[in-house]
N, C-alpha and C. Protein backbone atom coordinates (compact mmCIF):
# COMPACT_ATOMS: atom_id res chain seq x y z
N VAL A 1 0.88 -1.16 -0.01
CA VAL A 1 0.01 -0.04 0.08
C VAL A 1 0.89 1.24 -0.02
N ASP A 2 0.77 2.04 -1.04
CA ASP A 2 1.43 3.30 -1.11
C ASP A 2 0.30 4.33 -1.00
N PRO A 3 0.31 5.17 0.16
CA PRO A 3 -0.75 6.11 0.45
C PRO A 3 -0.82 7.22 -0.72
N LYS A 4 0.23 7.49 -1.48
CA LYS A 4 0.18 8.47 -2.59
C LYS A 4 -0.40 7.86 -3.79
N ARG A 5 -0.27 6.66 -4.02
CA ARG A 5 -0.61 6.02 -5.27
C ARG A 5 -2.00 5.12 -5.17
N GLY A 6 -2.02 4.47 -4.04
CA GLY A 6 -3.26 3.56 -3.56
C GLY A 6 -2.86 2.26 -3.28
N CYS A 7 -3.83 1.17 -3.55
CA CYS A 7 -3.63 -0.03 -3.10
C CYS A 7 -3.96 -0.89 -4.19
N LYS A 8 -3.07 -2.01 -4.36
CA LYS A 8 -3.25 -3.01 -5.38
C LYS A 8 -3.52 -4.42 -4.67
N VAL A 9 -4.63 -5.09 -5.18
CA VAL A 9 -4.99 -6.24 -4.55
C VAL A 9 -5.11 -7.30 -5.70
N ASP A 10 -4.45 -8.52 -5.43
CA ASP A 10 -4.59 -9.51 -6.42
C ASP A 10 -5.55 -10.57 -5.85
N VAL A 11 -6.39 -11.05 -6.73
CA VAL A 11 -7.51 -11.93 -6.20
C VAL A 11 -7.67 -13.20 -7.18
N VAL A 12 -7.77 -14.33 -6.69
CA VAL A 12 -8.03 -15.49 -7.46
C VAL A 12 -9.47 -16.08 -7.12
N PHE A 13 -10.30 -16.33 -7.99
CA PHE A 13 -11.61 -16.77 -7.46
C PHE A 13 -12.18 -17.76 -8.56
N SER A 14 -13.32 -18.52 -8.26
CA SER A 14 -13.96 -19.33 -9.26
C SER A 14 -15.33 -18.61 -9.46
N THR A 15 -15.76 -18.85 -10.54
CA THR A 15 -17.10 -18.24 -10.90
C THR A 15 -18.22 -19.34 -10.75
N GLU A 16 -19.38 -18.85 -10.44
CA GLU A 16 -20.45 -19.76 -10.31
C GLU A 16 -21.74 -19.24 -11.10
N ARG A 17 -22.53 -20.02 -11.55
CA ARG A 17 -23.81 -19.60 -12.18
C ARG A 17 -24.61 -18.82 -11.21
N TYR A 18 -25.01 -17.71 -11.61
CA TYR A 18 -25.67 -16.83 -10.80
C TYR A 18 -27.03 -17.57 -10.21
N ASN A 19 -27.81 -18.07 -11.15
CA ASN A 19 -29.05 -18.70 -10.78
C ASN A 19 -28.57 -20.30 -10.83
N GLN A 20 -28.21 -20.72 -9.59
CA GLN A 20 -27.82 -22.08 -9.50
C GLN A 20 -28.86 -23.27 -9.73
N GLU A 21 -30.21 -22.82 -9.85
CA GLU A 21 -31.17 -23.78 -10.13
C GLU A 21 -30.96 -24.34 -11.43
N GLU A 22 -30.21 -23.59 -12.38
CA GLU A 22 -30.04 -24.04 -13.74
C GLU A 22 -28.96 -25.09 -13.98
N GLY A 23 -28.36 -25.57 -12.95
CA GLY A 23 -27.35 -26.69 -13.18
C GLY A 23 -26.06 -26.41 -12.60
N GLU A 24 -25.17 -26.57 -13.55
CA GLU A 24 -23.64 -26.57 -13.11
C GLU A 24 -23.37 -25.30 -12.29
N GLN A 25 -22.70 -25.38 -11.20
CA GLN A 25 -22.40 -24.45 -10.38
C GLN A 25 -21.03 -23.76 -10.59
N ARG A 26 -19.95 -24.60 -10.60
CA ARG A 26 -18.65 -23.95 -10.78
C ARG A 26 -18.39 -23.89 -12.33
N LEU A 27 -18.17 -22.67 -12.79
CA LEU A 27 -18.09 -22.53 -14.22
C LEU A 27 -16.60 -22.32 -14.68
N GLY A 28 -15.85 -21.58 -13.91
CA GLY A 28 -14.43 -21.34 -14.40
C GLY A 28 -13.55 -20.68 -13.26
N LYS A 29 -12.37 -20.43 -13.60
CA LYS A 29 -11.49 -19.83 -12.58
C LYS A 29 -11.03 -18.51 -13.18
N CYS A 30 -10.83 -17.53 -12.34
CA CYS A 30 -10.51 -16.26 -12.65
C CYS A 30 -9.35 -15.64 -11.71
N SER A 31 -8.57 -14.76 -12.26
CA SER A 31 -7.69 -13.96 -11.41
C SER A 31 -7.81 -12.48 -11.86
N ALA A 32 -7.64 -11.65 -10.91
CA ALA A 32 -7.90 -10.21 -11.15
C ALA A 32 -6.91 -9.42 -10.39
N HIS A 33 -6.47 -8.32 -10.97
CA HIS A 33 -5.64 -7.18 -10.34
C HIS A 33 -6.58 -6.04 -10.17
N VAL A 34 -6.82 -5.71 -8.86
CA VAL A 34 -7.69 -4.57 -8.46
C VAL A 34 -6.77 -3.46 -8.06
N PHE A 35 -7.14 -2.19 -8.54
CA PHE A 35 -6.17 -1.15 -8.01
C PHE A 35 -7.13 -0.05 -7.59
N PHE A 36 -7.10 0.38 -6.30
CA PHE A 36 -7.77 1.31 -5.62
C PHE A 36 -6.95 2.63 -5.47
N LYS A 37 -7.33 3.80 -6.08
CA LYS A 37 -6.57 4.84 -6.18
C LYS A 37 -6.82 5.90 -5.02
N ASN A 38 -6.20 5.93 -4.07
CA ASN A 38 -6.13 7.01 -2.91
C ASN A 38 -7.72 6.99 -2.42
N GLN A 39 -8.32 5.95 -2.03
CA GLN A 39 -9.67 5.82 -1.37
C GLN A 39 -10.68 6.28 -2.36
N LYS A 40 -10.40 6.46 -3.58
CA LYS A 40 -11.54 6.84 -4.53
C LYS A 40 -12.36 5.61 -5.01
N PRO A 41 -13.66 5.78 -5.32
CA PRO A 41 -14.33 4.70 -5.89
C PRO A 41 -13.90 4.32 -7.30
N ARG A 42 -14.63 3.36 -7.80
CA ARG A 42 -14.42 2.80 -9.20
C ARG A 42 -13.02 2.31 -9.35
N PRO A 43 -12.61 1.29 -8.81
CA PRO A 43 -11.21 0.58 -8.99
C PRO A 43 -11.11 0.24 -10.33
N ALA A 44 -9.74 0.31 -10.67
CA ALA A 44 -9.29 -0.30 -12.01
C ALA A 44 -9.12 -1.77 -11.87
N VAL A 45 -9.80 -2.59 -12.77
CA VAL A 45 -9.88 -4.07 -12.61
C VAL A 45 -9.35 -4.62 -13.89
N ASN A 46 -8.49 -5.66 -13.71
CA ASN A 46 -7.94 -6.38 -14.99
C ASN A 46 -8.27 -7.79 -14.64
N VAL A 47 -9.22 -8.57 -15.26
CA VAL A 47 -9.55 -9.78 -14.96
C VAL A 47 -9.30 -10.83 -16.14
N THR A 48 -8.78 -12.00 -15.80
CA THR A 48 -8.50 -13.00 -16.69
C THR A 48 -9.30 -14.27 -16.26
N CYS A 49 -10.10 -14.81 -17.17
CA CYS A 49 -10.89 -16.09 -16.72
C CYS A 49 -10.68 -17.23 -17.70
N THR A 50 -10.87 -18.47 -17.25
CA THR A 50 -10.80 -19.67 -18.05
C THR A 50 -12.11 -20.45 -17.82
N ARG A 51 -12.34 -21.30 -18.78
CA ARG A 51 -13.52 -22.22 -18.65
C ARG A 51 -14.89 -21.55 -18.30
N LEU A 52 -15.13 -20.40 -18.79
CA LEU A 52 -16.54 -19.76 -18.60
C LEU A 52 -17.43 -20.33 -19.41
N ILE A 53 -18.67 -19.94 -19.34
CA ILE A 53 -19.84 -20.54 -20.12
C ILE A 53 -19.43 -20.14 -21.68
N GLU A 54 -19.90 -21.07 -22.50
CA GLU A 54 -19.63 -20.93 -23.95
C GLU A 54 -20.39 -19.73 -24.46
N LYS A 55 -19.74 -18.99 -25.33
CA LYS A 55 -20.24 -17.82 -25.92
C LYS A 55 -21.62 -18.24 -26.54
N LYS A 56 -21.75 -19.20 -27.36
CA LYS A 56 -23.05 -19.64 -27.91
C LYS A 56 -24.05 -19.89 -27.02
N LYS A 57 -23.82 -20.65 -25.96
CA LYS A 57 -24.83 -20.87 -24.90
C LYS A 57 -25.34 -19.58 -24.14
N ARG A 58 -24.42 -18.76 -23.87
CA ARG A 58 -24.62 -17.43 -23.35
C ARG A 58 -25.52 -16.62 -24.20
N GLU A 59 -25.20 -16.54 -25.59
CA GLU A 59 -26.16 -15.84 -26.48
C GLU A 59 -27.47 -16.55 -26.60
N GLU A 60 -27.55 -17.81 -26.53
CA GLU A 60 -28.91 -18.51 -26.51
C GLU A 60 -29.60 -18.08 -25.26
N GLU A 61 -29.05 -18.02 -24.08
CA GLU A 61 -29.59 -17.61 -22.85
C GLU A 61 -30.17 -16.26 -22.96
N ASP A 62 -29.35 -15.33 -23.46
CA ASP A 62 -29.72 -13.99 -23.62
C ASP A 62 -30.96 -13.82 -24.45
N GLN A 63 -31.03 -14.54 -25.67
CA GLN A 63 -32.00 -14.46 -26.56
C GLN A 63 -33.33 -14.91 -25.83
N LEU A 64 -33.27 -16.01 -25.10
CA LEU A 64 -34.37 -16.51 -24.47
C LEU A 64 -34.98 -15.54 -23.40
N LEU A 65 -34.09 -14.92 -22.61
CA LEU A 65 -34.58 -13.88 -21.73
C LEU A 65 -35.17 -12.77 -22.50
N TYR A 66 -34.54 -12.31 -23.52
CA TYR A 66 -35.01 -11.11 -24.38
C TYR A 66 -36.42 -11.48 -24.84
N LYS A 67 -36.67 -12.71 -25.42
CA LYS A 67 -37.92 -13.17 -25.97
C LYS A 67 -39.01 -13.03 -24.86
N ARG A 68 -38.59 -13.56 -23.72
CA ARG A 68 -39.65 -13.56 -22.46
C ARG A 68 -39.95 -12.06 -22.21
N MET A 69 -39.05 -11.20 -22.26
CA MET A 69 -39.30 -9.79 -21.76
C MET A 69 -40.18 -9.18 -22.92
N LYS A 70 -39.89 -9.45 -24.14
CA LYS A 70 -40.63 -8.77 -25.09
C LYS A 70 -42.03 -9.34 -25.41
N GLN A 71 -42.37 -10.59 -24.84
CA GLN A 71 -43.71 -11.16 -25.00
C GLN A 71 -44.58 -10.76 -23.92
N LEU A 72 -44.03 -9.87 -22.89
CA LEU A 72 -45.08 -9.31 -21.95
C LEU A 72 -46.01 -8.41 -22.61
N LYS A 73 -47.39 -8.81 -22.52
CA LYS A 73 -48.43 -7.94 -23.06
C LYS A 73 -48.58 -6.46 -22.52
N VAL A 74 -48.24 -6.48 -21.23
CA VAL A 74 -48.34 -5.17 -20.42
C VAL A 74 -47.01 -4.95 -19.82
N PRO A 75 -46.39 -3.66 -20.15
CA PRO A 75 -45.05 -3.39 -19.48
C PRO A 75 -45.07 -3.71 -17.98
N LEU A 76 -44.15 -4.22 -17.55
CA LEU A 76 -43.89 -4.76 -16.04
C LEU A 76 -43.92 -3.39 -15.18
N ASP A 77 -44.60 -3.57 -14.16
CA ASP A 77 -44.64 -2.61 -13.14
C ASP A 77 -44.82 -3.26 -11.65
N ALA A 78 -43.62 -3.50 -10.97
CA ALA A 78 -43.70 -4.38 -9.81
C ALA A 78 -42.85 -3.78 -8.68
N ALA A 79 -43.05 -4.37 -7.47
CA ALA A 79 -42.36 -3.78 -6.25
C ALA A 79 -41.93 -5.00 -5.55
N SER A 80 -40.86 -4.80 -4.64
CA SER A 80 -40.41 -5.60 -3.59
C SER A 80 -40.04 -6.99 -4.15
N ILE A 81 -38.88 -7.17 -4.81
CA ILE A 81 -38.41 -8.27 -5.26
C ILE A 81 -36.93 -8.40 -4.67
N PRO A 82 -36.60 -9.45 -3.83
CA PRO A 82 -37.69 -10.37 -3.33
C PRO A 82 -38.62 -9.86 -2.46
N ASP A 83 -39.61 -10.78 -2.10
CA ASP A 83 -40.66 -10.23 -1.03
C ASP A 83 -40.24 -10.24 0.28
N SER A 84 -40.88 -10.01 1.31
CA SER A 84 -40.47 -9.97 2.71
C SER A 84 -40.03 -11.22 3.23
N ARG A 85 -40.32 -12.43 2.59
CA ARG A 85 -39.81 -13.64 3.00
C ARG A 85 -38.48 -14.11 2.17
N GLY A 86 -38.05 -13.26 1.39
CA GLY A 86 -36.88 -13.51 0.42
C GLY A 86 -37.12 -14.37 -0.66
N HIS A 87 -38.36 -14.52 -1.05
CA HIS A 87 -38.75 -15.30 -2.28
C HIS A 87 -38.89 -14.51 -3.36
N ILE A 88 -38.38 -15.01 -4.58
CA ILE A 88 -38.51 -14.32 -5.92
C ILE A 88 -39.31 -15.29 -6.75
N ASP A 89 -40.59 -14.81 -7.14
CA ASP A 89 -41.49 -15.50 -7.95
C ASP A 89 -40.81 -15.75 -9.31
N ALA A 90 -40.99 -17.05 -9.80
CA ALA A 90 -40.25 -17.45 -10.99
C ALA A 90 -40.54 -16.48 -12.24
N SER A 91 -41.65 -15.97 -12.26
CA SER A 91 -42.01 -14.96 -13.47
C SER A 91 -41.22 -13.63 -13.34
N LEU A 92 -40.75 -13.27 -12.05
CA LEU A 92 -39.97 -12.18 -11.97
C LEU A 92 -38.53 -12.35 -11.83
N ARG A 93 -38.13 -13.64 -11.97
CA ARG A 93 -36.58 -13.87 -11.98
C ARG A 93 -35.95 -13.20 -13.07
N PRO A 94 -36.28 -13.09 -14.22
CA PRO A 94 -35.51 -12.40 -15.22
C PRO A 94 -35.51 -10.97 -14.94
N ILE A 95 -36.49 -10.40 -14.42
CA ILE A 95 -36.26 -8.93 -13.92
C ILE A 95 -35.21 -8.71 -12.82
N TRP A 96 -35.31 -9.55 -11.95
CA TRP A 96 -34.24 -9.52 -10.84
C TRP A 96 -32.83 -9.74 -11.49
N ASP A 97 -32.65 -10.62 -12.33
CA ASP A 97 -31.33 -10.84 -12.95
C ASP A 97 -30.89 -9.62 -13.70
N LEU A 98 -31.71 -8.98 -14.48
CA LEU A 98 -31.37 -7.80 -15.12
C LEU A 98 -31.05 -6.64 -14.22
N ALA A 99 -31.91 -6.47 -13.09
CA ALA A 99 -31.70 -5.48 -12.11
C ALA A 99 -30.44 -5.81 -11.37
N PHE A 100 -30.02 -6.95 -11.12
CA PHE A 100 -28.75 -7.40 -10.38
C PHE A 100 -27.66 -7.00 -11.37
N LEU A 101 -27.64 -7.24 -12.60
CA LEU A 101 -26.65 -6.91 -13.52
C LEU A 101 -26.52 -5.32 -13.50
N GLY A 102 -27.52 -4.66 -13.70
CA GLY A 102 -27.46 -3.16 -13.63
C GLY A 102 -26.78 -2.64 -12.21
N ALA A 103 -27.34 -3.13 -11.14
CA ALA A 103 -26.91 -2.71 -9.91
C ALA A 103 -25.42 -3.19 -9.68
N SER A 104 -24.90 -4.20 -10.36
CA SER A 104 -23.49 -4.57 -10.17
C SER A 104 -22.54 -3.36 -10.87
N TYR A 105 -23.04 -2.72 -11.90
CA TYR A 105 -22.32 -1.60 -12.48
C TYR A 105 -22.26 -0.50 -11.28
N VAL A 106 -23.42 -0.22 -10.64
CA VAL A 106 -23.39 0.73 -9.58
C VAL A 106 -22.40 0.35 -8.46
N MET A 107 -22.55 -0.90 -7.95
CA MET A 107 -21.64 -1.33 -6.88
C MET A 107 -20.20 -1.29 -7.24
N TRP A 108 -19.95 -1.50 -8.45
CA TRP A 108 -18.46 -1.43 -8.84
C TRP A 108 -18.06 -0.01 -8.80
N GLU A 109 -18.78 1.01 -9.38
CA GLU A 109 -18.45 2.30 -9.44
C GLU A 109 -18.31 2.99 -8.07
N LYS A 110 -19.20 2.53 -7.07
CA LYS A 110 -19.10 3.16 -5.78
C LYS A 110 -18.06 2.37 -4.78
N THR A 111 -17.79 1.21 -5.11
CA THR A 111 -16.77 0.49 -4.26
C THR A 111 -15.37 1.20 -4.09
N SER A 112 -15.04 1.25 -2.90
CA SER A 112 -13.56 1.78 -2.68
C SER A 112 -12.80 0.90 -1.92
N GLN A 113 -11.76 1.25 -1.48
CA GLN A 113 -10.70 0.32 -0.68
C GLN A 113 -11.51 0.01 0.61
N SER A 114 -12.24 0.98 1.20
CA SER A 114 -12.85 0.66 2.46
C SER A 114 -14.41 0.47 2.54
N LEU A 115 -15.18 0.64 1.31
CA LEU A 115 -16.57 0.40 1.25
C LEU A 115 -16.92 -0.59 0.06
N HIS A 116 -17.80 -1.56 0.37
CA HIS A 116 -18.37 -2.19 -0.77
C HIS A 116 -19.84 -2.42 -0.41
N TYR A 117 -20.55 -3.00 -1.44
CA TYR A 117 -21.97 -2.99 -1.53
C TYR A 117 -22.60 -4.38 -1.76
N TYR A 118 -23.79 -4.63 -1.48
CA TYR A 118 -24.55 -5.87 -1.68
C TYR A 118 -25.98 -5.45 -2.07
N LEU A 119 -26.53 -6.03 -3.12
CA LEU A 119 -27.85 -5.71 -3.53
C LEU A 119 -28.83 -6.54 -2.64
N VAL A 120 -29.65 -5.69 -1.83
CA VAL A 120 -30.64 -6.34 -0.94
C VAL A 120 -31.97 -6.50 -1.56
N GLN A 121 -32.48 -5.56 -2.22
CA GLN A 121 -33.90 -5.48 -2.76
C GLN A 121 -34.04 -4.69 -3.97
N LEU A 122 -34.97 -5.22 -4.92
CA LEU A 122 -35.34 -4.29 -6.03
C LEU A 122 -36.71 -3.86 -5.46
N SER A 123 -36.77 -2.52 -5.05
CA SER A 123 -37.93 -2.09 -4.43
C SER A 123 -39.02 -1.58 -5.39
N SER A 124 -38.68 -1.30 -6.62
CA SER A 124 -39.73 -0.91 -7.61
C SER A 124 -39.01 -1.17 -9.09
N VAL A 125 -39.91 -1.42 -9.91
CA VAL A 125 -39.37 -1.67 -11.37
C VAL A 125 -40.48 -1.20 -12.32
N LYS A 126 -40.11 -0.45 -13.38
CA LYS A 126 -41.13 -0.15 -14.28
C LYS A 126 -40.44 -0.28 -15.72
N GLN A 127 -41.15 -1.05 -16.54
CA GLN A 127 -40.55 -1.39 -17.91
C GLN A 127 -41.23 -0.26 -18.85
N TRP A 128 -40.62 0.18 -19.76
CA TRP A 128 -40.94 1.16 -20.74
C TRP A 128 -41.15 0.55 -22.07
N LYS A 129 -42.17 0.74 -22.87
CA LYS A 129 -42.25 0.43 -24.19
C LYS A 129 -41.31 1.24 -24.92
N THR A 130 -40.61 0.73 -26.01
CA THR A 130 -39.83 1.60 -26.83
C THR A 130 -39.92 1.27 -28.31
N ASN A 131 -39.49 2.29 -29.02
CA ASN A 131 -39.77 2.31 -30.60
C ASN A 131 -38.74 1.31 -31.16
N ASP A 132 -37.62 1.09 -30.36
CA ASP A 132 -36.75 0.21 -31.01
C ASP A 132 -36.81 -1.19 -30.20
N ASP A 133 -35.94 -2.09 -30.39
CA ASP A 133 -36.10 -3.43 -29.95
C ASP A 133 -35.47 -3.57 -28.56
N ALA A 134 -34.91 -2.60 -27.91
CA ALA A 134 -34.28 -2.63 -26.62
C ALA A 134 -35.22 -3.06 -25.53
N ILE A 135 -34.74 -3.48 -24.52
CA ILE A 135 -35.49 -3.64 -23.17
C ILE A 135 -35.05 -2.34 -22.35
N ASP A 136 -36.09 -1.75 -21.72
CA ASP A 136 -35.89 -0.41 -21.17
C ASP A 136 -36.48 -0.40 -19.88
N PHE A 137 -35.73 -0.13 -18.75
CA PHE A 137 -36.38 -0.26 -17.41
C PHE A 137 -35.84 0.99 -16.57
N ASP A 138 -36.72 1.48 -15.69
CA ASP A 138 -36.47 2.28 -14.58
C ASP A 138 -36.72 1.55 -13.30
N TYR A 139 -35.79 1.35 -12.38
CA TYR A 139 -35.95 0.73 -11.14
C TYR A 139 -35.21 1.25 -10.04
N THR A 140 -35.60 0.98 -8.80
CA THR A 140 -34.97 1.49 -7.52
C THR A 140 -34.41 0.15 -6.82
N VAL A 141 -33.21 0.17 -6.52
CA VAL A 141 -32.65 -0.97 -5.67
C VAL A 141 -32.24 -0.37 -4.38
N LEU A 142 -32.17 -1.21 -3.26
CA LEU A 142 -31.65 -1.06 -1.97
C LEU A 142 -30.23 -1.64 -1.89
N LEU A 143 -29.14 -0.87 -1.77
CA LEU A 143 -27.85 -1.38 -1.60
C LEU A 143 -27.44 -1.42 -0.12
N HIS A 144 -26.93 -2.46 0.35
CA HIS A 144 -26.38 -2.53 1.65
C HIS A 144 -24.89 -2.13 1.65
N GLU A 145 -24.56 -1.05 2.39
CA GLU A 145 -23.11 -0.63 2.32
C GLU A 145 -22.38 -1.16 3.41
N PHE A 146 -21.19 -1.74 3.20
CA PHE A 146 -20.45 -2.36 4.27
C PHE A 146 -19.09 -1.48 4.24
N PRO A 147 -18.59 -1.20 5.42
CA PRO A 147 -18.94 -1.63 6.94
C PRO A 147 -19.90 -0.72 7.47
N THR A 148 -20.47 0.18 6.85
CA THR A 148 -21.35 1.25 7.57
C THR A 148 -22.66 0.71 8.01
N GLN A 149 -23.13 -0.37 7.28
CA GLN A 149 -24.44 -0.98 7.49
C GLN A 149 -25.53 -0.12 7.02
N GLU A 150 -25.33 0.87 6.21
CA GLU A 150 -26.42 1.80 5.76
C GLU A 150 -27.05 1.07 4.42
N ILE A 151 -28.30 1.44 4.45
CA ILE A 151 -29.15 0.93 3.27
C ILE A 151 -29.41 2.09 2.24
N ILE A 152 -28.74 2.15 1.06
CA ILE A 152 -28.74 3.18 0.05
C ILE A 152 -29.67 2.93 -1.06
N PRO A 153 -30.72 3.81 -1.22
CA PRO A 153 -31.59 3.53 -2.35
C PRO A 153 -30.98 4.27 -3.50
N CYS A 154 -31.00 3.54 -4.67
CA CYS A 154 -30.45 3.95 -6.01
C CYS A 154 -31.38 3.86 -7.06
N ARG A 155 -31.73 4.85 -7.83
CA ARG A 155 -32.49 4.76 -9.04
C ARG A 155 -31.50 4.38 -10.13
N ILE A 156 -32.08 3.54 -10.96
CA ILE A 156 -31.27 3.04 -12.20
C ILE A 156 -32.07 3.01 -13.31
N HIS A 157 -31.46 3.44 -14.44
CA HIS A 157 -32.19 3.35 -15.68
C HIS A 157 -31.29 2.37 -16.59
N LEU A 158 -31.83 1.26 -17.11
CA LEU A 158 -31.08 0.22 -17.81
C LEU A 158 -31.67 0.02 -19.14
N VAL A 159 -30.87 0.04 -20.15
CA VAL A 159 -31.18 -0.27 -21.50
C VAL A 159 -30.48 -1.55 -21.94
N TRP A 160 -31.09 -2.45 -22.54
CA TRP A 160 -30.33 -3.80 -22.89
C TRP A 160 -30.91 -4.33 -24.19
N TYR A 161 -30.05 -4.81 -24.94
CA TYR A 161 -30.36 -5.66 -26.19
C TYR A 161 -29.29 -6.61 -26.32
N PRO A 162 -29.69 -7.89 -26.56
CA PRO A 162 -28.84 -9.14 -26.58
C PRO A 162 -27.64 -8.75 -27.52
N GLY A 163 -26.33 -9.01 -27.10
CA GLY A 163 -25.26 -8.75 -27.86
C GLY A 163 -24.68 -7.35 -28.01
N LYS A 164 -25.40 -6.53 -27.26
CA LYS A 164 -24.89 -5.13 -27.13
C LYS A 164 -24.54 -4.87 -25.68
N PRO A 165 -23.60 -3.98 -25.42
CA PRO A 165 -23.33 -3.59 -23.99
C PRO A 165 -24.43 -3.04 -23.20
N LEU A 166 -24.56 -3.42 -21.98
CA LEU A 166 -25.68 -2.86 -21.25
C LEU A 166 -25.36 -1.35 -21.02
N LYS A 167 -26.51 -0.58 -20.95
CA LYS A 167 -26.37 0.78 -20.81
C LYS A 167 -26.98 1.16 -19.36
N VAL A 168 -26.31 1.81 -18.52
CA VAL A 168 -26.74 2.09 -17.09
C VAL A 168 -26.51 3.50 -16.81
N LYS A 169 -27.50 4.22 -16.29
CA LYS A 169 -27.53 5.48 -15.66
C LYS A 169 -28.12 5.36 -14.35
N TYR A 170 -27.44 5.92 -13.40
CA TYR A 170 -28.01 5.83 -11.99
C TYR A 170 -27.79 7.14 -11.12
N ASN A 171 -28.52 7.09 -10.01
CA ASN A 171 -28.32 8.12 -9.07
C ASN A 171 -28.72 7.53 -7.68
N CYS A 172 -27.82 7.46 -6.82
CA CYS A 172 -27.98 6.94 -5.49
C CYS A 172 -28.21 8.20 -4.36
N GLN A 173 -28.97 7.86 -3.51
CA GLN A 173 -29.29 8.85 -2.38
C GLN A 173 -27.94 9.04 -1.46
N GLY A 174 -27.67 10.19 -1.10
CA GLY A 174 -26.56 10.42 -0.29
C GLY A 174 -25.55 11.26 -0.96
N LEU A 175 -24.50 11.59 -0.38
CA LEU A 175 -23.45 12.53 -0.94
C LEU A 175 -22.68 11.81 -2.10
N GLN A 176 -22.58 12.39 -3.29
CA GLN A 176 -21.82 11.91 -4.32
C GLN A 176 -20.99 13.23 -4.92
N THR A 177 -19.76 12.72 -5.18
CA THR A 177 -18.95 13.81 -6.02
C THR A 177 -19.22 13.55 -7.45
N SER A 178 -18.85 14.47 -8.28
CA SER A 178 -19.06 14.22 -9.72
C SER A 178 -18.22 12.96 -10.30
N GLU A 179 -17.15 12.63 -9.54
CA GLU A 179 -16.38 11.49 -9.89
C GLU A 179 -17.13 10.20 -9.76
N GLU A 180 -18.04 10.20 -8.67
CA GLU A 180 -18.82 9.01 -8.28
C GLU A 180 -20.06 8.84 -9.15
N ALA A 181 -20.63 10.04 -9.61
CA ALA A 181 -21.91 9.95 -10.23
C ALA A 181 -21.86 9.31 -11.68
N SER A 182 -22.77 8.57 -12.16
CA SER A 182 -22.55 8.10 -13.52
C SER A 182 -22.82 9.18 -14.51
N GLY A 183 -22.63 8.77 -15.70
CA GLY A 183 -22.95 9.81 -16.79
C GLY A 183 -21.50 10.31 -17.32
N THR A 184 -20.46 9.95 -16.57
CA THR A 184 -19.05 10.29 -16.93
C THR A 184 -18.24 9.12 -17.37
N VAL A 185 -18.84 8.02 -17.42
CA VAL A 185 -18.19 6.76 -17.63
C VAL A 185 -18.68 6.24 -19.08
N GLU A 186 -17.62 5.69 -19.88
CA GLU A 186 -18.03 5.19 -21.09
C GLU A 186 -18.89 4.02 -20.86
N GLY A 187 -19.99 3.88 -21.65
CA GLY A 187 -20.97 2.64 -21.47
C GLY A 187 -22.15 3.19 -20.83
N SER A 188 -22.08 4.48 -20.14
CA SER A 188 -23.30 4.94 -19.58
C SER A 188 -24.47 5.23 -20.61
N ALA A 189 -25.74 5.22 -20.30
CA ALA A 189 -26.69 5.43 -21.32
C ALA A 189 -26.68 6.88 -21.70
N VAL A 190 -26.96 7.27 -22.87
CA VAL A 190 -26.91 8.61 -23.31
C VAL A 190 -28.14 9.35 -22.86
N ALA A 191 -28.21 9.73 -21.69
CA ALA A 191 -29.33 10.46 -20.98
C ALA A 191 -30.71 10.03 -21.39
N PRO A 192 -31.02 8.71 -21.27
CA PRO A 192 -32.38 8.26 -21.73
C PRO A 192 -33.42 8.83 -20.95
N THR A 193 -33.19 9.34 -19.70
CA THR A 193 -34.11 9.93 -18.74
C THR A 193 -33.30 10.64 -17.69
N GLU A 194 -33.82 11.75 -17.20
CA GLU A 194 -33.17 12.50 -16.11
C GLU A 194 -33.50 11.86 -14.86
N LEU A 195 -32.62 11.44 -14.10
CA LEU A 195 -32.82 10.88 -12.67
C LEU A 195 -32.48 12.03 -11.73
N SER A 196 -33.21 12.03 -10.72
CA SER A 196 -33.00 13.07 -9.72
C SER A 196 -32.84 12.30 -8.35
N ASN A 197 -32.32 12.95 -7.33
CA ASN A 197 -32.12 12.36 -6.06
C ASN A 197 -33.48 11.80 -5.47
N ILE A 198 -33.36 10.83 -4.88
CA ILE A 198 -34.62 10.18 -4.35
C ILE A 198 -35.14 11.02 -3.12
């Protein structure tokens, strides 16, 4: 640890299927170099993995999820996923999965050497009908901040189309510097909607 430059952490880990009900649990091995610069969020990460899910299978799973989302007759408008007992209805699982993916962008950007986050709940979600083929959501998540134990609400706008990078724009309650807020990072959505503090 060099207080002027930051902290570098080397990590080795195995990957697991997020939804373990689908079968094979251990998918691959990864190593990562993580560099935290002077307690600032958004660490630099260099990851190398082996034996991950095959690209073709991942594309098939993405298409299946996309097809399910597009077949909804009425745009989704839901709250409290998981429910108070920790249960996620099977019909809402794809929404949870997309919300988890979008929230992971937020958790990565806000993580610092001394703070990290865990997704607790998707407290509300609204799907938007679009003129293009993208899946478009506004949702609010509750993130558990460690070690402070605070619960932080974040509004997230997510745009997704299979085979394209996920677009995420967010605003979390609490103090943020311009370095911590999204919109300054490559890959953020191009202002699909203006989000204000909750």
